[in-house]
Structure formats: C-alpha cells, structure tokens
C-alpha cells in the first residue's frame, strides 16, 4: 500500500468543523504534471481550504509541499493581482488588473487560433 488508510494528519482532522457546510470542488494540483487530486472547500464564494483527495488514484489523499501550499496561491495577501501593460507603440506602462490581462491573453489566443487553425485529416 502506497498511502496509509487514513492519510489525514491530526491538524487536518481538527479542521473538519471549519469546513463543515462548505461546498467541495474536485480539482487537480496546478504545480506539476503528476496530476494529484485536490479537494477545494468553498464557503460563501471564498476558498477556505485545500487538501488532498483521498479518492484520487494518483495521490490517494496526499500532497507534496507545493501541492499543500495551493491554498496560499489563491489567498495570500502578497499575491500579485495586477500586471504592468505597455500598449503597442506606447512609451509608458499602465497598471491593469490580473483578470483583465487573462481575458486579453485568452482573446488573443482564440483570435490567432480562429485565423490560423487548419484541421488535418
């Protein structure tokens, strides 16, 4: 057996009252290509905890240190929430929200794909 029957630490078990009543969203760790399963707990529209998914055949409820830090990726007050953008031919930078930047990137990728995609049979 690769993982113990109950892979949760005492700290994780003690958190249970905090996550009671939260929605559980199944997710995959964003850090590497292994694809460890995670459970993301959401209450009142806010992420309140992330832990390993015991149903995951890959990680069986365990997470490496990077995966265990996923919660901080979303809620850390030092997290970058803005980008610096310089428009084409401009000589100055503008501060823009990260959501704006993600939308711009998605639109440009989609436009490029739509203009250049060729399906090969």
N, C-alpha and C. Protein backbone atom coordinates (compact mmCIF):
# COMPACT_ATOMS: atom_id res chain seq x y z
N UNK A 1 0.85 -1.17 0.00
CA UNK A 1 0.00 0.00 0.00
C UNK A 1 0.90 1.24 0.00
N UNK A 2 0.63 2.18 -0.92
CA UNK A 2 1.44 3.38 -1.03
C UNK A 2 1.08 4.44 -0.01
N UNK A 3 -0.18 4.57 0.29
CA UNK A 3 -0.62 5.60 1.24
C UNK A 3 -1.36 4.93 2.39
N UNK A 4 -1.27 5.48 3.58
CA UNK A 4 -2.00 4.89 4.71
C UNK A 4 -3.51 4.95 4.48
N UNK A 5 -4.22 4.11 5.21
CA UNK A 5 -5.68 4.05 5.07
C UNK A 5 -6.33 5.41 5.36
N UNK A 6 -5.84 6.12 6.38
CA UNK A 6 -6.36 7.46 6.71
C UNK A 6 -5.19 8.43 6.58
N UNK A 7 -5.00 9.03 5.41
CA UNK A 7 -3.81 9.85 5.18
C UNK A 7 -3.85 11.23 5.81
N UNK A 8 -4.89 11.55 6.56
CA UNK A 8 -5.02 12.89 7.09
C UNK A 8 -4.25 13.05 8.40
N UNK A 9 -3.61 14.18 8.55
CA UNK A 9 -2.90 14.48 9.79
C UNK A 9 -3.92 14.88 10.86
N UNK A 10 -3.46 14.95 12.09
CA UNK A 10 -4.31 15.39 13.19
C UNK A 10 -4.82 16.81 12.90
N UNK A 11 -3.95 17.65 12.36
CA UNK A 11 -4.34 19.03 12.03
C UNK A 11 -5.48 19.05 11.02
N UNK A 12 -5.41 18.17 10.02
CA UNK A 12 -6.46 18.11 9.00
C UNK A 12 -7.78 17.66 9.62
N UNK A 13 -7.73 16.69 10.49
CA UNK A 13 -8.95 16.20 11.14
C UNK A 13 -9.55 17.30 12.02
N UNK A 14 -8.72 18.08 12.70
CA UNK A 14 -9.21 19.16 13.56
C UNK A 14 -9.85 20.29 12.75
N UNK A 15 -9.51 20.42 11.48
CA UNK A 15 -10.08 21.47 10.62
C UNK A 15 -11.51 21.14 10.22
N UNK A 16 -11.93 19.92 10.36
CA UNK A 16 -13.23 19.50 9.86
C UNK A 16 -14.38 20.43 10.25
N UNK A 17 -14.48 20.91 11.52
CA UNK A 17 -15.58 21.83 11.83
C UNK A 17 -15.53 23.11 10.98
N UNK A 18 -14.34 23.56 10.63
CA UNK A 18 -14.20 24.78 9.84
C UNK A 18 -14.74 24.58 8.42
N UNK A 19 -14.60 23.37 7.89
CA UNK A 19 -15.05 23.13 6.52
C UNK A 19 -16.46 22.55 6.46
N UNK A 20 -17.05 22.30 7.62
CA UNK A 20 -18.42 21.79 7.64
C UNK A 20 -19.35 22.79 6.96
N UNK A 21 -20.19 22.31 6.07
CA UNK A 21 -21.11 23.17 5.36
C UNK A 21 -20.54 23.81 4.10
N UNK A 22 -19.27 23.57 3.84
CA UNK A 22 -18.64 24.15 2.64
C UNK A 22 -18.91 23.26 1.43
N UNK A 23 -18.93 23.87 0.26
CA UNK A 23 -19.02 23.10 -0.98
C UNK A 23 -17.66 22.50 -1.25
N UNK A 24 -17.65 21.26 -1.73
CA UNK A 24 -16.39 20.60 -2.07
C UNK A 24 -16.27 20.56 -3.58
N UNK A 25 -15.17 21.11 -4.09
CA UNK A 25 -14.89 21.10 -5.52
C UNK A 25 -13.67 20.22 -5.75
N UNK A 26 -13.80 19.28 -6.68
CA UNK A 26 -12.66 18.43 -7.02
C UNK A 26 -11.76 19.20 -7.97
N UNK A 27 -10.47 19.13 -7.73
CA UNK A 27 -9.51 19.88 -8.53
C UNK A 27 -8.24 19.06 -8.73
N UNK A 28 -7.37 19.59 -9.54
CA UNK A 28 -6.07 18.97 -9.79
C UNK A 28 -5.01 19.99 -9.39
N UNK A 29 -3.97 19.53 -8.74
CA UNK A 29 -2.88 20.41 -8.33
C UNK A 29 -2.27 21.10 -9.56
N UNK A 30 -2.04 22.41 -9.48
CA UNK A 30 -1.54 23.15 -10.65
C UNK A 30 -0.03 23.14 -10.82
N UNK A 31 0.71 22.52 -9.92
CA UNK A 31 2.16 22.72 -9.91
C UNK A 31 2.98 21.83 -10.83
N UNK A 32 2.58 20.61 -11.06
CA UNK A 32 3.42 19.76 -11.92
C UNK A 32 2.53 18.86 -12.77
N UNK A 33 3.15 17.98 -13.51
CA UNK A 33 2.40 17.13 -14.44
C UNK A 33 1.89 15.84 -13.81
N UNK A 34 2.14 15.62 -12.54
CA UNK A 34 1.69 14.37 -11.90
C UNK A 34 0.17 14.30 -11.87
N UNK A 35 -0.50 15.39 -11.54
CA UNK A 35 -1.96 15.43 -11.54
C UNK A 35 -2.60 14.96 -10.26
N UNK A 36 -2.01 15.30 -9.12
CA UNK A 36 -2.57 14.90 -7.83
C UNK A 36 -3.94 15.53 -7.63
N UNK A 37 -4.86 14.74 -7.07
CA UNK A 37 -6.21 15.23 -6.82
C UNK A 37 -6.27 16.09 -5.57
N UNK A 38 -7.07 17.13 -5.65
CA UNK A 38 -7.26 18.02 -4.51
C UNK A 38 -8.74 18.24 -4.27
N UNK A 39 -9.08 18.50 -3.02
CA UNK A 39 -10.43 18.93 -2.65
C UNK A 39 -10.33 20.39 -2.24
N UNK A 40 -11.07 21.23 -2.93
CA UNK A 40 -11.10 22.66 -2.61
C UNK A 40 -12.42 22.94 -1.91
N UNK A 41 -12.35 23.50 -0.72
CA UNK A 41 -13.54 23.80 0.07
C UNK A 41 -13.90 25.27 -0.10
N UNK A 42 -15.14 25.53 -0.52
CA UNK A 42 -15.61 26.89 -0.79
C UNK A 42 -16.83 27.16 0.08
N UNK A 43 -16.79 28.30 0.78
CA UNK A 43 -17.92 28.71 1.61
C UNK A 43 -18.16 30.19 1.35
N UNK A 44 -19.41 30.55 1.07
CA UNK A 44 -19.79 31.93 0.78
C UNK A 44 -18.97 32.52 -0.37
N UNK A 45 -18.66 31.68 -1.36
CA UNK A 45 -17.93 32.14 -2.53
C UNK A 45 -16.44 32.32 -2.33
N UNK A 46 -15.92 31.92 -1.17
CA UNK A 46 -14.49 32.08 -0.89
C UNK A 46 -13.85 30.74 -0.59
N UNK A 47 -12.64 30.57 -1.09
CA UNK A 47 -11.87 29.37 -0.80
C UNK A 47 -11.46 29.39 0.66
N UNK A 48 -11.77 28.30 1.39
CA UNK A 48 -11.41 28.27 2.81
C UNK A 48 -10.38 27.20 3.14
N UNK A 49 -10.19 26.21 2.24
CA UNK A 49 -9.19 25.17 2.50
C UNK A 49 -8.96 24.35 1.24
N UNK A 50 -7.78 23.75 1.15
CA UNK A 50 -7.44 22.81 0.08
C UNK A 50 -6.72 21.64 0.75
N UNK A 51 -7.11 20.43 0.39
CA UNK A 51 -6.42 19.25 0.91
C UNK A 51 -6.40 18.18 -0.16
N UNK A 52 -5.62 17.15 0.07
CA UNK A 52 -5.52 16.05 -0.88
C UNK A 52 -6.83 15.29 -0.97
N UNK A 53 -7.12 14.77 -2.16
CA UNK A 53 -8.34 14.00 -2.40
C UNK A 53 -8.07 12.52 -2.15
N UNK A 54 -8.67 11.94 -1.10
CA UNK A 54 -8.42 10.53 -0.81
C UNK A 54 -8.93 9.59 -1.90
N UNK A 55 -9.83 10.07 -2.78
CA UNK A 55 -10.36 9.26 -3.87
C UNK A 55 -9.45 9.27 -5.10
N UNK A 56 -8.44 10.12 -5.11
CA UNK A 56 -7.55 10.23 -6.26
C UNK A 56 -6.68 8.98 -6.37
N UNK A 57 -6.71 8.30 -7.52
CA UNK A 57 -5.86 7.12 -7.69
C UNK A 57 -4.39 7.48 -7.80
N UNK A 58 -4.09 8.73 -8.04
CA UNK A 58 -2.70 9.15 -8.19
C UNK A 58 -2.07 9.48 -6.85
N UNK A 59 -2.74 10.31 -6.06
CA UNK A 59 -2.13 10.78 -4.81
C UNK A 59 -2.73 10.18 -3.56
N UNK A 60 -3.90 9.57 -3.68
CA UNK A 60 -4.56 8.91 -2.55
C UNK A 60 -4.66 9.79 -1.30
N UNK A 61 -4.93 11.06 -1.51
CA UNK A 61 -5.13 11.96 -0.38
C UNK A 61 -3.90 12.69 0.10
N UNK A 62 -2.75 12.39 -0.46
CA UNK A 62 -1.53 13.07 -0.03
C UNK A 62 -1.15 14.17 -1.02
N UNK A 63 -0.42 15.15 -0.54
CA UNK A 63 0.09 16.22 -1.40
C UNK A 63 1.54 16.50 -1.03
N UNK A 64 2.33 16.85 -2.02
CA UNK A 64 3.71 17.26 -1.76
C UNK A 64 3.68 18.67 -1.14
N UNK A 65 4.81 19.20 -0.70
CA UNK A 65 4.80 20.54 -0.11
C UNK A 65 4.25 21.63 -1.04
N UNK A 66 4.54 21.53 -2.33
CA UNK A 66 3.99 22.53 -3.26
C UNK A 66 2.48 22.41 -3.34
N UNK A 67 1.98 21.19 -3.46
CA UNK A 67 0.53 20.98 -3.54
C UNK A 67 -0.17 21.41 -2.27
N UNK A 68 0.48 21.17 -1.14
CA UNK A 68 -0.11 21.57 0.14
C UNK A 68 -0.18 23.09 0.28
N UNK A 69 0.63 23.81 -0.49
CA UNK A 69 0.63 25.27 -0.44
C UNK A 69 -0.34 25.90 -1.44
N UNK A 70 -1.14 25.11 -2.13
CA UNK A 70 -2.07 25.63 -3.13
C UNK A 70 -3.01 26.67 -2.55
N UNK A 71 -3.45 26.47 -1.34
CA UNK A 71 -4.35 27.43 -0.69
C UNK A 71 -3.72 28.83 -0.69
N UNK A 72 -2.43 28.89 -0.37
CA UNK A 72 -1.74 30.18 -0.34
C UNK A 72 -1.65 30.82 -1.73
N UNK A 73 -1.62 30.00 -2.77
CA UNK A 73 -1.60 30.52 -4.13
C UNK A 73 -2.82 31.41 -4.39
N UNK A 74 -3.93 31.06 -3.78
CA UNK A 74 -5.18 31.79 -4.02
C UNK A 74 -5.44 32.91 -3.02
N UNK A 75 -5.01 32.76 -1.78
CA UNK A 75 -5.44 33.71 -0.75
C UNK A 75 -4.33 34.56 -0.13
N UNK A 76 -3.10 34.33 -0.48
CA UNK A 76 -2.01 35.07 0.12
C UNK A 76 -2.14 36.56 -0.16
N UNK A 77 -2.08 37.41 0.88
CA UNK A 77 -2.23 38.86 0.65
C UNK A 77 -1.09 39.45 -0.18
N UNK A 78 0.02 38.75 -0.31
CA UNK A 78 1.14 39.24 -1.11
C UNK A 78 1.06 38.77 -2.56
N UNK A 79 0.00 38.05 -2.89
CA UNK A 79 -0.19 37.54 -4.25
C UNK A 79 -0.33 38.69 -5.24
N UNK A 80 0.29 38.56 -6.39
CA UNK A 80 0.19 39.57 -7.43
C UNK A 80 -1.23 39.58 -7.99
N UNK A 81 -1.85 40.74 -8.00
CA UNK A 81 -3.21 40.87 -8.53
C UNK A 81 -3.29 41.87 -9.67
N UNK A 82 -2.17 42.48 -10.03
CA UNK A 82 -2.12 43.43 -11.13
C UNK A 82 -0.91 43.13 -12.01
N UNK A 83 -0.98 43.57 -13.23
CA UNK A 83 0.14 43.43 -14.17
C UNK A 83 0.49 44.81 -14.70
N UNK A 84 1.68 44.92 -15.25
CA UNK A 84 2.08 46.15 -15.93
C UNK A 84 1.95 45.91 -17.42
N UNK A 85 1.22 46.78 -18.09
CA UNK A 85 0.92 46.63 -19.52
C UNK A 85 1.43 47.85 -20.28
N UNK A 86 2.12 47.59 -21.38
CA UNK A 86 2.55 48.66 -22.27
C UNK A 86 1.88 48.42 -23.60
N UNK A 87 1.03 49.31 -24.01
CA UNK A 87 0.32 49.19 -25.28
C UNK A 87 1.32 49.29 -26.44
N UNK A 88 1.00 48.69 -27.58
CA UNK A 88 1.90 48.79 -28.73
C UNK A 88 2.20 50.26 -29.07
N UNK A 89 3.46 50.54 -29.29
CA UNK A 89 3.97 51.88 -29.66
C UNK A 89 3.87 52.91 -28.54
N UNK A 90 3.46 52.49 -27.37
CA UNK A 90 3.38 53.42 -26.24
C UNK A 90 4.75 53.54 -25.58
N UNK A 91 4.97 54.62 -24.86
CA UNK A 91 6.24 54.79 -24.15
C UNK A 91 6.06 54.73 -22.62
N UNK A 92 4.86 54.33 -22.17
CA UNK A 92 4.67 54.21 -20.73
C UNK A 92 3.87 52.94 -20.39
N UNK A 93 4.05 52.52 -19.14
CA UNK A 93 3.39 51.32 -18.64
C UNK A 93 2.15 51.71 -17.86
N UNK A 94 1.14 50.84 -17.92
CA UNK A 94 -0.10 51.05 -17.17
C UNK A 94 -0.32 49.87 -16.23
N UNK A 95 -0.85 50.14 -15.06
CA UNK A 95 -1.20 49.08 -14.12
C UNK A 95 -2.61 48.59 -14.48
N UNK A 96 -2.74 47.27 -14.71
CA UNK A 96 -4.02 46.68 -15.09
C UNK A 96 -4.32 45.50 -14.16
N UNK A 97 -5.60 45.22 -13.91
CA UNK A 97 -5.96 44.06 -13.08
C UNK A 97 -5.56 42.74 -13.76
N UNK A 98 -5.20 41.77 -12.97
CA UNK A 98 -4.81 40.47 -13.49
C UNK A 98 -5.94 39.84 -14.30
N UNK A 99 -7.18 39.99 -13.87
CA UNK A 99 -8.31 39.44 -14.63
C UNK A 99 -8.38 40.05 -16.04
N UNK A 100 -8.10 41.33 -16.16
CA UNK A 100 -8.08 41.98 -17.47
C UNK A 100 -7.00 41.34 -18.35
N UNK A 101 -5.82 41.12 -17.78
CA UNK A 101 -4.71 40.54 -18.54
C UNK A 101 -5.05 39.12 -19.00
N UNK A 102 -5.66 38.32 -18.13
CA UNK A 102 -6.03 36.95 -18.51
C UNK A 102 -7.05 36.96 -19.65
N UNK A 103 -8.00 37.88 -19.59
CA UNK A 103 -9.00 37.99 -20.65
C UNK A 103 -8.35 38.40 -21.97
N UNK A 104 -7.41 39.33 -21.92
CA UNK A 104 -6.70 39.76 -23.13
C UNK A 104 -5.93 38.60 -23.75
N UNK A 105 -5.23 37.85 -22.92
CA UNK A 105 -4.46 36.70 -23.41
C UNK A 105 -5.38 35.68 -24.05
N UNK A 106 -6.48 35.35 -23.37
CA UNK A 106 -7.43 34.37 -23.91
C UNK A 106 -8.00 34.82 -25.25
N UNK A 107 -8.37 36.10 -25.35
CA UNK A 107 -8.92 36.61 -26.61
C UNK A 107 -7.90 36.54 -27.74
N UNK A 108 -6.66 36.87 -27.45
CA UNK A 108 -5.62 36.85 -28.48
C UNK A 108 -5.29 35.43 -28.93
N UNK A 109 -5.26 34.50 -28.00
CA UNK A 109 -5.02 33.10 -28.37
C UNK A 109 -6.17 32.60 -29.23
N UNK A 110 -7.41 32.88 -28.81
CA UNK A 110 -8.57 32.44 -29.59
C UNK A 110 -8.58 33.05 -30.97
N UNK A 111 -8.31 34.35 -31.07
CA UNK A 111 -8.29 35.01 -32.37
C UNK A 111 -7.22 34.40 -33.28
N UNK A 112 -6.04 34.16 -32.75
CA UNK A 112 -4.96 33.56 -33.54
C UNK A 112 -5.34 32.16 -33.98
N UNK A 113 -5.93 31.40 -33.07
CA UNK A 113 -6.35 30.03 -33.42
C UNK A 113 -7.42 30.07 -34.51
N UNK A 114 -8.42 30.93 -34.35
CA UNK A 114 -9.50 31.02 -35.34
C UNK A 114 -8.98 31.44 -36.71
N UNK A 115 -8.00 32.33 -36.74
CA UNK A 115 -7.46 32.81 -38.01
C UNK A 115 -6.52 31.82 -38.68
N UNK A 116 -5.86 30.96 -37.90
CA UNK A 116 -4.79 30.14 -38.45
C UNK A 116 -4.97 28.63 -38.32
N UNK A 117 -5.99 28.19 -37.62
CA UNK A 117 -6.15 26.75 -37.39
C UNK A 117 -6.52 26.03 -38.68
N UNK A 118 -5.81 24.96 -38.95
CA UNK A 118 -6.12 24.13 -40.10
C UNK A 118 -6.29 22.70 -39.61
N UNK A 119 -7.44 22.13 -39.89
CA UNK A 119 -7.68 20.75 -39.46
C UNK A 119 -7.09 19.81 -40.50
N UNK A 120 -6.27 18.89 -40.02
CA UNK A 120 -5.66 17.92 -40.93
C UNK A 120 -6.34 16.58 -40.72
N UNK A 121 -6.70 15.96 -41.81
CA UNK A 121 -7.38 14.67 -41.74
C UNK A 121 -6.43 13.54 -41.87
